[in-house]
Amino acid sequence: MERRPDLQRAIRRTCLCYKSRARQQAMTIPTQSIDRRARQDRRNLEPHPITEDLADALIANEIELLFQPQWRADGSLSGAEVLVRWEHPDDGSLAGDALVAIAQSGGIARRLSRHIARGAFKAALDWPEDLHLSLNVTAMDLLDRTFAEGLTEMIADYDFPPERLTLEITEQALVADLDRSAARLDTLAQLGIRIALDDFGAGFCNFRYLKVLPLHALKLDRAMIEGIAGDSRDLAVLRGIIAMARALEIDVLAEGVETEAQRDVVIDEGCAYWQGYLGGKPVNAEVFAALISQQD
């Protein structure tokens, strides 16, 4: 199939901008040598010392779900991303990747993911119908052959509209088996679930993802946003990505927006959504419900 000229130009412009930015960073960040033989195979890792504590916390419902607001370009609330936090008595507050790593080491990653999803669906059922729920999908989720089936069953159990759900997938989660991941995500996309490529710009920026995955949105990493209000090169990268996304007919969400200047730039340049501390820190379900009521 022959590509449209505007799409070819957008992709070429984005690649050039991204490579230029990467070269600039390479001049200021020292390259670290990596001994591949020293890397441990994750499959051979011993369970984390507090894995059993995490398992007990799941049973006792001690894992706290937090919701970070996401906003439309017109200033209205569009929904929230679900985040997770656990207060361990000895190790303190643990969240995100740390919790996932602990769960993976002890073979309870599936339990953690389903616990988060169930809690999120339960909370979001009370939201207005125009608000979306964003769930993070891990590498272990995509490697789990029952992932799509299990998620579909939970959606049915809670009678949650699939078109109100967005799955956020990072590049790291796709490295293991891109084609198989794409097939599983396509099954979910056919149900009406939206798929977003998270942390776009933070990794290798493999443009094959844009071709293979059933994407509805790109979620820009905060590194792509930090300098856009004062750095012409960063602004050029942003414009290239948005032009490419527009040619592919997918939305762009800017993450890590912390200043009004950054928000104004991402909106003016064409980002459909934004998220960051300027719009609100992650809060529990009750506080987020209060925020919703303030929008009426």
Protein backbone atom coordinates (compact mmCIF):
# COMPACT_ATOMS: atom_id res chain seq x y z
CA MET A 1 0.00 0.00 0.00
CA GLU A 2 1.37 3.41 -1.00
CA ARG A 3 1.66 5.92 1.84
CA ARG A 4 0.14 9.35 1.55
CA PRO A 5 2.74 12.10 0.92
CA ASP A 6 1.59 14.06 3.98
CA LEU A 7 2.08 11.00 6.20
CA GLN A 8 5.54 10.35 4.76
CA ARG A 9 6.55 13.97 5.37
CA ALA A 10 5.19 13.90 8.94
CA ILE A 11 7.06 10.71 9.83
CA ARG A 12 10.29 11.92 8.21
CA ARG A 13 10.07 15.27 10.01
CA THR A 14 9.42 13.57 13.33
CA CYS A 15 12.32 11.16 12.88
CA LEU A 16 14.70 14.02 12.08
CA CYS A 17 13.52 16.04 15.08
CA TYR A 18 13.75 13.08 17.39
CA LYS A 19 17.24 12.11 16.19
CA SER A 20 18.42 15.70 16.52
CA ARG A 21 17.17 15.85 20.09
CA ALA A 22 18.78 12.49 20.86
CA ARG A 23 22.14 13.70 19.54
CA GLN A 24 21.92 16.78 21.72
CA GLN A 25 21.24 14.64 24.79
CA ALA A 26 24.06 12.26 23.90
CA MET A 27 26.54 15.12 24.09
CA THR A 28 25.53 15.89 27.67
CA ILE A 29 24.77 12.43 29.07
CA PRO A 30 27.72 10.04 29.43
CA THR A 31 27.27 6.63 27.87
CA GLN A 32 27.35 3.83 30.42
CA SER A 33 28.98 0.55 29.47
CA ILE A 34 26.80 -2.46 30.15
CA ASP A 35 28.10 -5.96 30.73
CA ARG A 36 25.34 -8.09 29.29
CA ARG A 37 26.71 -11.17 30.97
CA ALA A 38 26.16 -9.48 34.32
CA ARG A 39 22.47 -9.04 33.67
CA GLN A 40 20.22 -11.42 35.56
CA ASP A 41 17.52 -13.35 33.82
CA ARG A 42 14.29 -12.15 35.43
CA ARG A 43 12.91 -15.64 35.32
CA ASN A 44 15.66 -16.73 37.71
CA LEU A 45 15.21 -13.92 40.22
CA GLU A 46 14.37 -14.87 43.76
CA PRO A 47 11.05 -13.53 45.10
CA HIS A 48 11.34 -10.11 46.69
CA PRO A 49 11.53 -10.30 50.51
CA ILE A 50 8.16 -8.55 50.90
CA THR A 51 6.27 -10.49 48.23
CA GLU A 52 4.26 -12.34 50.88
CA ASP A 53 3.43 -9.00 52.51
CA LEU A 54 2.11 -7.77 49.17
CA ALA A 55 0.01 -10.90 48.77
CA ASP A 56 -1.46 -10.35 52.24
CA ALA A 57 -2.11 -6.69 51.41
CA LEU A 58 -4.08 -7.70 48.32
CA ILE A 59 -6.26 -9.99 50.41
CA ALA A 60 -6.76 -7.27 53.04
CA ASN A 61 -7.50 -4.65 50.36
CA GLU A 62 -4.65 -2.44 51.58
CA ILE A 63 -3.50 -1.40 48.11
CA GLU A 64 -4.71 2.16 47.55
CA LEU A 65 -5.89 3.27 44.13
CA LEU A 66 -5.22 6.86 43.10
CA PHE A 67 -6.70 8.79 40.19
CA GLN A 68 -4.82 11.54 38.35
CA PRO A 69 -7.09 13.88 36.39
CA GLN A 70 -6.81 14.10 32.61
CA TRP A 71 -8.12 17.18 30.81
CA ARG A 72 -9.39 18.01 27.35
CA ALA A 73 -7.98 20.92 25.40
CA ASP A 74 -11.20 22.86 26.01
CA GLY A 75 -10.57 22.74 29.77
CA SER A 76 -13.15 20.09 30.64
CA LEU A 77 -12.32 16.98 32.65
CA SER A 78 -11.92 13.93 30.40
CA GLY A 79 -11.22 11.24 33.01
CA ALA A 80 -8.34 9.87 35.04
CA GLU A 81 -5.37 7.53 34.97
CA VAL A 82 -5.38 4.89 37.70
CA LEU A 83 -2.22 4.70 39.80
CA VAL A 84 -1.45 2.50 42.77
CA ARG A 85 0.23 2.96 46.16
CA TRP A 86 0.97 0.68 49.08
CA GLU A 87 2.19 1.75 52.50
CA HIS A 88 4.52 -0.99 53.74
CA PRO A 89 5.18 -0.89 57.51
CA ASP A 90 8.97 -1.12 57.05
CA ASP A 91 9.71 -0.01 53.49
CA GLY A 92 7.31 2.92 53.42
CA SER A 93 5.35 4.08 50.38
CA LEU A 94 5.69 1.86 47.30
CA ALA A 95 4.05 2.62 43.97
CA GLY A 96 3.95 1.92 40.26
CA ASP A 97 6.91 0.03 38.82
CA ALA A 98 8.21 -0.93 42.28
CA LEU A 99 4.98 -2.73 43.12
CA VAL A 100 4.85 -4.42 39.74
CA ALA A 101 8.43 -5.67 40.11
CA ILE A 102 7.69 -7.09 43.56
CA ALA A 103 4.56 -8.81 42.27
CA GLN A 104 6.38 -10.23 39.25
CA SER A 105 9.19 -11.64 41.37
CA GLY A 106 6.67 -13.56 43.48
CA GLY A 107 4.38 -14.71 40.69
CA ILE A 108 1.42 -12.56 41.77
CA ALA A 109 1.52 -9.97 38.99
CA ARG A 110 -1.79 -11.21 37.56
CA ARG A 111 -3.43 -10.87 40.98
CA LEU A 112 -2.16 -7.32 41.35
CA SER A 113 -3.33 -6.29 37.87
CA ARG A 114 -6.81 -7.72 38.38
CA HIS A 115 -7.07 -6.19 41.84
CA ILE A 116 -6.30 -2.76 40.35
CA ALA A 117 -8.72 -3.23 37.45
CA ARG A 118 -11.60 -4.37 39.66
CA GLY A 119 -11.13 -1.46 42.06
CA ALA A 120 -10.90 1.01 39.19
CA PHE A 121 -14.05 -0.26 37.47
CA LYS A 122 -15.95 -0.12 40.75
CA ALA A 123 -14.93 3.51 41.33
CA ALA A 124 -15.49 4.67 37.75
CA LEU A 125 -19.02 3.27 37.54
CA ASP A 126 -20.19 6.32 39.51
CA TRP A 127 -18.52 8.80 37.15
CA PRO A 128 -20.45 10.70 34.47
CA GLU A 129 -20.67 8.80 31.19
CA ASP A 130 -18.35 11.20 29.36
CA LEU A 131 -15.39 10.47 31.67
CA HIS A 132 -12.81 7.87 30.66
CA LEU A 133 -10.79 5.48 32.80
CA SER A 134 -7.13 4.81 31.89
CA LEU A 135 -5.46 1.60 33.05
CA ASN A 136 -1.76 0.82 32.73
CA VAL A 137 -0.88 -2.48 31.07
CA THR A 138 2.37 -4.22 32.02
CA ALA A 139 4.62 -6.57 30.06
CA MET A 140 3.37 -9.47 32.19
CA ASP A 141 -0.22 -8.56 31.28
CA LEU A 142 0.55 -8.81 27.58
CA LEU A 143 2.46 -12.08 28.02
CA ASP A 144 -0.51 -13.56 29.86
CA ARG A 145 -2.54 -15.47 27.28
CA THR A 146 -5.67 -15.02 29.44
CA PHE A 147 -5.27 -11.23 29.71
CA ALA A 148 -7.79 -10.20 27.05
CA GLU A 149 -10.33 -12.78 28.18
CA GLY A 150 -9.94 -11.86 31.84
CA LEU A 151 -10.30 -8.15 31.18
CA THR A 152 -13.36 -8.72 29.01
CA GLU A 153 -14.96 -10.76 31.79
CA MET A 154 -14.31 -8.03 34.35
CA ILE A 155 -15.83 -5.41 32.05
CA ALA A 156 -18.93 -7.59 31.72
CA ASP A 157 -19.09 -8.30 35.46
CA TYR A 158 -19.11 -4.59 36.28
CA ASP A 159 -21.22 -3.68 33.24
CA PHE A 160 -18.57 -1.08 32.41
CA PRO A 161 -18.85 0.48 28.94
CA PRO A 162 -15.70 -0.61 27.03
CA GLU A 163 -15.65 2.65 25.06
CA ARG A 164 -14.94 4.47 28.34
CA LEU A 165 -11.79 2.43 28.95
CA THR A 166 -8.28 3.30 27.73
CA LEU A 167 -5.35 0.90 28.07
CA GLU A 168 -1.96 2.60 28.35
CA ILE A 169 0.94 0.45 27.11
CA THR A 170 4.60 1.39 27.44
CA GLU A 171 7.31 0.54 24.93
CA GLN A 172 8.97 -1.72 27.50
CA ALA A 173 5.79 -3.79 27.71
CA LEU A 174 5.91 -4.42 23.96
CA VAL A 175 9.54 -5.48 23.54
CA ALA A 176 9.04 -9.18 24.34
CA ASP A 177 6.59 -10.04 21.55
CA LEU A 178 5.21 -7.12 19.57
CA ASP A 179 3.12 -9.10 17.09
CA ARG A 180 1.43 -11.22 19.76
CA SER A 181 0.80 -8.14 21.89
CA ALA A 182 -0.70 -6.36 18.89
CA ALA A 183 -3.09 -9.28 18.27
CA ARG A 184 -4.29 -9.27 21.88
CA LEU A 185 -4.73 -5.52 21.91
CA ASP A 186 -6.60 -5.65 18.61
CA THR A 187 -9.08 -8.09 20.17
CA LEU A 188 -9.77 -5.54 22.91
CA ALA A 189 -9.86 -2.59 20.50
CA GLN A 190 -12.60 -4.31 18.53
CA LEU A 191 -14.73 -4.16 21.67
CA GLY A 192 -14.42 -0.37 21.69
CA ILE A 193 -11.53 -0.10 24.15
CA ARG A 194 -9.05 2.67 23.35
CA ILE A 195 -5.33 1.86 23.14
CA ALA A 196 -2.70 4.48 23.99
CA LEU A 197 1.08 4.19 23.59
CA ASP A 198 2.42 5.53 26.89
CA ASP A 199 5.73 7.34 27.55
CA PHE A 200 6.15 8.07 23.85
CA GLY A 201 9.58 9.60 23.31
CA ALA A 202 11.17 8.11 26.42
CA GLY A 203 12.54 4.96 24.81
CA PHE A 204 13.79 4.01 21.36
CA CYS A 205 10.71 5.46 19.68
CA ASN A 206 10.20 2.44 17.43
CA PHE A 207 7.93 3.69 14.67
CA ARG A 208 6.90 0.11 13.86
CA TYR A 209 4.59 0.36 16.88
CA LEU A 210 2.60 2.98 15.00
CA LYS A 211 2.17 0.59 12.09
CA VAL A 212 1.38 -2.62 13.99
CA LEU A 213 -0.63 -1.55 17.03
CA PRO A 214 -4.33 -0.54 16.97
CA LEU A 215 -3.55 2.84 18.48
CA HIS A 216 -6.01 5.59 19.30
CA ALA A 217 -3.59 7.90 21.10
CA LEU A 218 0.04 8.73 21.83
CA LYS A 219 0.83 9.75 25.39
CA LEU A 220 3.93 11.91 25.37
CA ASP A 221 6.51 11.32 28.06
CA ARG A 222 7.17 14.24 30.39
CA ALA A 223 10.66 14.51 28.86
CA MET A 224 8.98 15.66 25.64
CA ILE A 225 7.15 18.43 27.52
CA GLU A 226 9.70 19.88 29.95
CA GLY A 227 11.36 22.35 27.59
CA ILE A 228 8.65 23.17 25.05
CA ALA A 229 7.89 26.62 26.49
CA GLY A 230 11.46 27.84 26.13
CA ASP A 231 13.44 25.54 23.84
CA SER A 232 12.88 25.77 20.09
CA ARG A 233 14.29 22.29 19.49
CA ASP A 234 11.90 20.70 22.00
CA LEU A 235 9.03 22.61 20.43
CA ALA A 236 10.05 21.34 16.99
CA VAL A 237 9.97 17.75 18.27
CA LEU A 238 6.50 18.30 19.72
CA ARG A 239 5.24 19.76 16.46
CA GLY A 240 6.68 16.83 14.49
CA ILE A 241 5.00 14.26 16.71
CA ILE A 242 1.65 16.04 16.57
CA ALA A 243 1.87 16.33 12.78
CA MET A 244 2.59 12.61 12.51
CA ALA A 245 -0.26 11.73 14.88
CA ARG A 246 -2.64 13.95 12.95
CA ALA A 247 -1.68 12.18 9.70
CA LEU A 248 -2.31 8.83 11.40
CA GLU A 249 -5.62 10.14 12.80
CA ILE A 250 -4.72 9.43 16.43
CA ASP A 251 -4.92 11.77 19.42
CA VAL A 252 -2.01 13.13 21.45
CA LEU A 253 -2.03 13.43 25.24
CA ALA A 254 0.73 15.46 26.89
CA GLU A 255 1.87 14.06 30.24
CA GLY A 256 3.86 15.91 32.89
CA VAL A 257 2.34 19.34 32.34
CA GLU A 258 3.38 21.38 35.37
CA THR A 259 3.13 25.01 34.27
CA GLU A 260 0.52 27.15 32.56
CA ALA A 261 3.05 27.93 29.83
CA GLN A 262 3.45 24.22 29.03
CA ARG A 263 -0.31 23.72 29.02
CA ASP A 264 -0.83 26.65 26.67
CA VAL A 265 1.79 25.31 24.24
CA VAL A 266 0.43 21.76 24.08
CA ILE A 267 -3.10 23.06 23.54
CA ASP A 268 -2.06 25.63 20.93
CA GLU A 269 -0.03 23.02 19.05
CA GLY A 270 -2.93 20.56 18.88
CA CYS A 271 -2.76 18.09 21.78
CA ALA A 272 -6.27 16.83 22.44
CA TYR A 273 -5.61 16.02 26.10
CA TRP A 274 -3.14 16.84 28.86
CA GLN A 275 -2.23 15.58 32.31
CA GLY A 276 0.13 16.69 35.08
CA TYR A 277 0.50 18.35 38.44
CA LEU A 278 -0.90 21.60 37.02
CA GLY A 279 -4.20 19.78 36.56
CA GLY A 280 -4.02 17.84 39.79
CA LYS A 281 -1.92 15.27 41.64
CA PRO A 282 -3.10 11.67 42.02
CA VAL A 283 -5.88 11.51 44.61
CA ASN A 284 -8.07 8.81 46.11
CA ALA A 285 -11.50 7.93 44.75
CA GLU A 286 -13.37 10.16 47.18
CA VAL A 287 -11.32 13.27 46.38
CA PHE A 288 -11.61 12.60 42.65
CA ALA A 289 -15.39 12.27 43.03
CA ALA A 290 -15.41 15.69 44.69
CA LEU A 291 -13.43 17.11 41.76
CA ILE A 292 -16.03 15.69 39.38
CA SER A 293 -18.82 17.39 41.32
CA GLN A 294 -17.02 20.72 41.00
CA GLN A 295 -17.16 20.43 37.19
CA ASP A 296 -20.97 20.51 37.11
